[in-house]
C-alpha atoms as a PDB file:
ATOM      1  CA  UNK A   1       8.688 -17.648  48.682  1.00  0.00           C
ATOM      2  CA  UNK A   2      10.613 -14.831  47.357  1.00  0.00           C
ATOM      3  CA  UNK A   3      13.920 -14.365  45.437  1.00  0.00           C
ATOM      4  CA  UNK A   4      15.828 -10.711  44.970  1.00  0.00           C
ATOM      5  CA  UNK A   5      17.109 -11.878  41.556  1.00  0.00           C
ATOM      6  CA  UNK A   6      16.512  -9.789  38.401  1.00  0.00           C
ATOM      7  CA  UNK A   7      17.276 -13.151  35.920  1.00  0.00           C
ATOM      8  CA  UNK A   8      14.797 -14.783  38.211  1.00  0.00           C
ATOM      9  CA  UNK A   9      12.344 -11.948  37.522  1.00  0.00           C
ATOM     10  CA  UNK A  10      12.838 -11.893  33.875  1.00  0.00           C
ATOM     11  CA  UNK A  11      12.051 -15.611  33.486  1.00  0.00           C
ATOM     12  CA  UNK A  12       8.409 -15.619  34.569  1.00  0.00           C
ATOM     13  CA  UNK A  13       5.240 -13.079  33.667  1.00  0.00           C
ATOM     14  CA  UNK A  14       4.676  -9.955  35.721  1.00  0.00           C
ATOM     15  CA  UNK A  15       1.568 -11.845  37.010  1.00  0.00           C
ATOM     16  CA  UNK A  16       3.703 -14.015  38.996  1.00  0.00           C
ATOM     17  CA  UNK A  17       5.477 -11.737  40.911  1.00  0.00           C
ATOM     18  CA  UNK A  18       4.626  -9.743  44.013  1.00  0.00           C
ATOM     19  CA  UNK A  19       6.566  -6.931  45.404  1.00  0.00           C
ATOM     20  CA  UNK A  20       6.530  -6.676  49.335  1.00  0.00           C
ATOM     21  CA  UNK A  21       6.053  -3.106  50.860  1.00  0.00           C
ATOM     22  CA  UNK A  22       5.503  -3.482  54.614  1.00  0.00           C
ATOM     23  CA  UNK A  23       2.140  -5.571  54.249  1.00  0.00           C
ATOM     24  CA  UNK A  24       1.230  -4.904  51.271  1.00  0.00           C
ATOM     25  CA  UNK A  25       1.937  -6.775  47.939  1.00  0.00           C
ATOM     26  CA  UNK A  26       1.502  -5.440  44.384  1.00  0.00           C
ATOM     27  CA  UNK A  27       2.385  -7.026  40.789  1.00  0.00           C
ATOM     28  CA  UNK A  28       4.921  -4.700  39.009  1.00  0.00           C
ATOM     29  CA  UNK A  29       3.359  -2.019  36.679  1.00  0.00           C
ATOM     30  CA  UNK A  30       5.184  -3.507  33.713  1.00  0.00           C
ATOM     31  CA  UNK A  31       6.258  -6.837  32.138  1.00  0.00           C
ATOM     32  CA  UNK A  32       9.084  -8.687  33.183  1.00  0.00           C
ATOM     33  CA  UNK A  33       9.286 -11.495  31.183  1.00  0.00           C
ATOM     34  CA  UNK A  34      12.186 -11.155  29.152  1.00  0.00           C
ATOM     35  CA  UNK A  35      13.380  -7.925  30.025  1.00  0.00           C
ATOM     36  CA  UNK A  36      17.094  -7.186  30.914  1.00  0.00           C
ATOM     37  CA  UNK A  37      18.351  -7.951  34.485  1.00  0.00           C
ATOM     38  CA  UNK A  38      19.550  -4.132  34.786  1.00  0.00           C
ATOM     39  CA  UNK A  39      16.553  -2.264  33.828  1.00  0.00           C
ATOM     40  CA  UNK A  40      14.424  -5.338  36.506  1.00  0.00           C
ATOM     41  CA  UNK A  41      16.922  -4.162  39.208  1.00  0.00           C
ATOM     42  CA  UNK A  42      15.884  -0.597  38.437  1.00  0.00           C
ATOM     43  CA  UNK A  43      12.448  -0.465  37.421  1.00  0.00           C
ATOM     44  CA  UNK A  44      10.643  -3.630  39.612  1.00  0.00           C
ATOM     45  CA  UNK A  45      13.272  -3.885  42.451  1.00  0.00           C
ATOM     46  CA  UNK A  46      14.383  -0.382  43.203  1.00  0.00           C
ATOM     47  CA  UNK A  47      17.924  -0.754  43.223  1.00  0.00           C
ATOM     48  CA  UNK A  48      20.712   0.331  41.160  1.00  0.00           C
ATOM     49  CA  UNK A  49      22.374  -1.900  38.605  1.00  0.00           C
ATOM     50  CA  UNK A  50      25.348   0.484  38.799  1.00  0.00           C
ATOM     51  CA  UNK A  51      28.071   1.803  41.687  1.00  0.00           C
ATOM     52  CA  UNK A  52      26.791   4.735  43.097  1.00  0.00           C
ATOM     53  CA  UNK A  53      29.766   6.685  41.784  1.00  0.00           C
ATOM     54  CA  UNK A  54      29.025   5.823  37.994  1.00  0.00           C
ATOM     55  CA  UNK A  55      25.178   6.261  38.625  1.00  0.00           C
ATOM     56  CA  UNK A  56      26.174  10.188  40.012  1.00  0.00           C
ATOM     57  CA  UNK A  57      27.972  10.547  36.914  1.00  0.00           C
ATOM     58  CA  UNK A  58      25.295   9.514  34.588  1.00  0.00           C
ATOM     59  CA  UNK A  59      23.060  11.319  36.428  1.00  0.00           C
ATOM     60  CA  UNK A  60      25.176  14.638  35.513  1.00  0.00           C
ATOM     61  CA  UNK A  61      25.619  13.737  32.138  1.00  0.00           C
ATOM     62  CA  UNK A  62      21.813  13.012  31.118  1.00  0.00           C
ATOM     63  CA  UNK A  63      20.751  15.928  33.298  1.00  0.00           C
ATOM     64  CA  UNK A  64      23.723  18.004  30.988  1.00  0.00           C
ATOM     65  CA  UNK A  65      22.442  16.549  27.581  1.00  0.00           C
ATOM     66  CA  UNK A  66      18.691  17.424  28.837  1.00  0.00           C
ATOM     67  CA  UNK A  67      19.417  20.929  29.375  1.00  0.00           C
ATOM     68  CA  UNK A  68      21.211  20.771  25.868  1.00  0.00           C
ATOM     69  CA  UNK A  69      24.731  21.720  28.124  1.00  0.00           C
ATOM     70  CA  UNK A  70      26.669  19.307  25.799  1.00  0.00           C
ATOM     71  CA  UNK A  71      29.963  20.753  26.644  1.00  0.00           C
ATOM     72  CA  UNK A  72      29.038  19.844  30.545  1.00  0.00           C
ATOM     73  CA  UNK A  73      28.294  16.478  29.149  1.00  0.00           C
ATOM     74  CA  UNK A  74      31.693  15.448  29.133  1.00  0.00           C
ATOM     75  CA  UNK A  75      30.999  14.846  33.325  1.00  0.00           C
ATOM     76  CA  UNK A  76      33.756  12.261  33.401  1.00  0.00           C
ATOM     77  CA  UNK A  77      36.669  14.002  32.393  1.00  0.00           C
ATOM     78  CA  UNK A  78      36.632  11.752  29.214  1.00  0.00           C
ATOM     79  CA  UNK A  79      37.535  12.501  25.649  1.00  0.00           C
ATOM     80  CA  UNK A  80      35.052  12.077  23.206  1.00  0.00           C
ATOM     81  CA  UNK A  81      35.374   8.909  21.305  1.00  0.00           C
ATOM     82  CA  UNK A  82      36.164   9.715  17.260  1.00  0.00           C
ATOM     83  CA  UNK A  83      33.456   8.459  14.768  1.00  0.00           C
ATOM     84  CA  UNK A  84      34.645   5.220  12.887  1.00  0.00           C
END
Protein backbone atom coordinates (compact mmCIF):
# COMPACT_ATOMS: atom_id res chain seq x y z
CA UNK A 1 0.00 0.00 0.00
CA UNK A 2 2.71 2.53 0.86
CA UNK A 3 6.33 3.19 0.22
CA UNK A 4 8.77 5.80 1.38
CA UNK A 5 11.01 5.28 -1.60
CA UNK A 6 11.52 8.42 -3.68
CA UNK A 7 12.75 6.17 -6.49
CA UNK A 8 9.37 4.44 -6.62
CA UNK A 9 7.58 7.80 -6.44
CA UNK A 10 9.66 9.02 -9.40
CA UNK A 11 8.53 6.06 -11.47
CA UNK A 12 4.80 6.89 -11.43
CA UNK A 13 2.65 9.96 -12.13
CA UNK A 14 1.61 12.02 -9.11
CA UNK A 15 -2.05 11.06 -9.66
CA UNK A 16 -1.09 7.54 -8.51
CA UNK A 17 0.46 8.74 -5.23
CA UNK A 18 -1.27 9.57 -1.96
CA UNK A 19 0.50 11.42 0.82
CA UNK A 20 -1.06 10.66 4.20
CA UNK A 21 -1.13 13.23 6.99
CA UNK A 22 -3.05 11.84 9.90
CA UNK A 23 -6.40 10.80 8.47
CA UNK A 24 -6.17 13.03 5.39
CA UNK A 25 -4.71 11.91 2.06
CA UNK A 26 -3.65 14.16 -0.79
CA UNK A 27 -2.01 13.98 -4.19
CA UNK A 28 1.40 15.71 -4.46
CA UNK A 29 1.09 19.28 -5.73
CA UNK A 30 3.76 18.75 -8.38
CA UNK A 31 4.46 15.98 -10.86
CA UNK A 32 6.64 13.15 -9.55
CA UNK A 33 7.24 11.03 -12.64
CA UNK A 34 10.81 11.36 -13.86
CA UNK A 35 11.92 13.73 -11.10
CA UNK A 36 15.13 13.43 -9.12
CA UNK A 37 14.82 11.26 -5.98
CA UNK A 38 16.41 13.97 -3.80
CA UNK A 39 13.89 16.51 -5.03
CA UNK A 40 11.02 14.14 -4.24
CA UNK A 41 12.44 13.56 -0.75
CA UNK A 42 12.49 17.32 -0.11
CA UNK A 43 9.22 18.40 -1.73
CA UNK A 44 6.83 15.42 -1.64
CA UNK A 45 8.01 13.34 1.33
CA UNK A 46 9.08 16.38 3.40
CA UNK A 47 12.42 14.80 4.27
CA UNK A 48 15.98 15.91 3.68
CA UNK A 49 18.32 14.18 1.29
CA UNK A 50 21.28 15.74 3.14
CA UNK A 51 22.70 15.13 6.61
CA UNK A 52 21.57 17.81 9.08
CA UNK A 53 24.99 19.50 9.27
CA UNK A 54 25.25 19.73 5.48
CA UNK A 55 21.70 21.09 5.27
CA UNK A 56 22.60 23.86 7.74
CA UNK A 57 25.70 24.77 5.71
CA UNK A 58 23.66 24.92 2.48
CA UNK A 59 21.03 27.09 4.20
CA UNK A 60 23.70 29.49 5.50
CA UNK A 61 25.32 29.66 2.07
CA UNK A 62 22.00 30.33 0.30
CA UNK A 63 21.02 33.01 2.84
CA UNK A 64 24.38 34.78 2.40
CA UNK A 65 24.07 34.74 -1.41
CA UNK A 66 20.42 35.90 -1.29
CA UNK A 67 21.42 38.80 0.98
CA UNK A 68 24.38 39.77 -1.22
CA UNK A 69 26.96 38.79 1.44
CA UNK A 70 29.18 36.99 -1.02
CA UNK A 71 32.22 36.99 1.24
CA UNK A 72 30.14 35.23 3.92
CA UNK A 73 28.88 32.69 1.39
CA UNK A 74 32.09 30.77 2.04
CA UNK A 75 30.38 29.37 5.15
CA UNK A 76 32.20 26.05 5.06
CA UNK A 77 35.57 27.75 5.26
CA UNK A 78 36.64 26.31 1.92
CA UNK A 79 38.75 28.18 -0.56
CA UNK A 80 36.97 29.03 -3.80
CA UNK A 81 37.66 26.76 -6.73
CA UNK A 82 39.57 28.61 -9.45
CA UNK A 83 37.89 28.72 -12.88
CA UNK A 84 39.08 26.26 -15.48
